[in-house]
Amino acid sequence: SIASGGFLHHTSFLWDWDPANMDYLTLPEKRPDYRGDRGHDEFLVKLKDHYGGYSGKNSFFGHVKHATEESFELEEVALKEVMEIANE
């Protein structure tokens, strides 16, 4: 969502997930060519399998926040505030 003076970026970091739940997700109509017709279980990775051996989930998100702060000014806000911005 782009607003005057800034923007809101949303992403999902999947630390762990149950493969059975991937059956509930449908293939999006619009997707990049490199994704093709791969299902979510072929496209997504569990971060715990790649990062969890080195440290825990909280450490991972701390590193993401730190790396982001090196390039952007971050402002933590409550979900309610995010929803108000998104609905403008």
Protein backbone atom coordinates (compact mmCIF):
# COMPACT_ATOMS: atom_id res chain seq x y z
CA SER A 1 0.00 0.00 0.00
CA ILE A 2 1.49 3.33 -1.03
CA ALA A 3 0.47 6.41 0.92
CA SER A 4 1.68 9.98 0.96
CA GLY A 5 5.16 10.00 2.44
CA GLY A 6 5.66 6.25 2.69
CA PHE A 7 4.60 2.74 1.90
CA LEU A 8 3.58 -0.45 3.64
CA HIS A 9 5.16 -3.72 2.57
CA HIS A 10 3.71 -7.04 3.67
CA THR A 11 5.43 -10.37 3.47
CA SER A 12 5.20 -13.70 5.24
CA PHE A 13 8.12 -15.55 6.80
CA LEU A 14 7.22 -19.19 7.23
CA TRP A 15 9.26 -20.63 10.06
CA ASP A 16 7.37 -23.92 10.02
CA TRP A 17 4.18 -25.22 8.46
CA ASP A 18 2.19 -28.42 8.18
CA PRO A 19 2.35 -29.85 4.63
CA ALA A 20 -1.30 -30.93 4.89
CA ASN A 21 -2.30 -27.27 5.14
CA MET A 22 -0.78 -26.55 1.73
CA ASP A 23 -3.72 -28.44 0.20
CA TYR A 24 -6.00 -25.56 1.23
CA LEU A 25 -4.05 -23.04 -0.86
CA THR A 26 -4.99 -22.59 -4.50
CA LEU A 27 -2.65 -21.58 -7.29
CA PRO A 28 -2.82 -17.81 -7.80
CA GLU A 29 -4.12 -16.67 -11.19
CA LYS A 30 -1.26 -14.22 -11.64
CA ARG A 31 2.19 -15.63 -10.94
CA PRO A 32 5.67 -15.12 -12.37
CA ASP A 33 6.89 -17.39 -15.15
CA TYR A 34 9.63 -18.88 -12.98
CA ARG A 35 7.01 -20.24 -10.61
CA GLY A 36 5.06 -22.04 -13.31
CA ASP A 37 2.44 -24.45 -12.01
CA ARG A 38 4.39 -25.49 -8.93
CA GLY A 39 2.24 -25.92 -5.85
CA HIS A 40 2.97 -24.08 -2.62
CA ASP A 41 4.67 -27.11 -1.11
CA GLU A 42 7.16 -27.10 -4.02
CA PHE A 43 7.69 -23.35 -3.91
CA LEU A 44 7.92 -22.49 -0.21
CA VAL A 45 10.58 -23.48 2.28
CA LYS A 46 10.52 -23.85 6.03
CA LEU A 47 12.96 -21.32 7.45
CA LYS A 48 13.61 -23.56 10.45
CA ASP A 49 15.14 -26.14 8.10
CA HIS A 50 17.63 -23.60 6.75
CA TYR A 51 18.20 -21.27 9.69
CA GLY A 52 16.97 -23.11 12.77
CA GLY A 53 20.15 -25.14 13.22
CA TYR A 54 22.15 -21.97 13.79
CA SER A 55 19.81 -20.23 16.18
CA GLY A 56 16.15 -19.81 16.99
CA LYS A 57 13.23 -18.02 15.44
CA ASN A 58 13.60 -14.86 17.53
CA SER A 59 17.22 -14.52 16.46
CA PHE A 60 16.24 -14.88 12.80
CA PHE A 61 13.68 -12.11 13.01
CA GLY A 62 16.15 -9.94 14.92
CA HIS A 63 18.60 -10.32 12.04
CA VAL A 64 15.92 -9.46 9.47
CA LYS A 65 14.98 -6.34 11.43
CA HIS A 66 18.61 -5.28 11.81
CA ALA A 67 19.35 -5.77 8.09
CA THR A 68 16.25 -3.77 7.17
CA GLU A 69 17.18 -0.94 9.54
CA GLU A 70 20.48 -0.56 7.70
CA SER A 71 18.61 0.63 4.59
CA PHE A 72 15.27 1.93 5.83
CA GLU A 73 13.80 3.88 8.70
CA LEU A 74 11.46 1.47 10.46
CA GLU A 75 8.46 2.37 12.55
CA GLU A 76 6.73 -0.36 14.51
CA VAL A 77 2.98 0.11 14.64
CA ALA A 78 0.01 -1.83 15.96
CA LEU A 79 -2.03 -3.98 13.58
CA LYS A 80 -4.98 -1.62 14.09
CA GLU A 81 -2.92 1.28 12.69
CA VAL A 82 -1.82 -0.81 9.70
CA MET A 83 -5.42 -1.69 8.90
CA GLU A 84 -6.44 1.95 9.05
CA ILE A 85 -3.69 2.87 6.56
CA ALA A 86 -4.55 -0.02 4.27
CA ASN A 87 -8.23 0.93 4.20
CA GLU A 88 -7.57 4.56 3.17
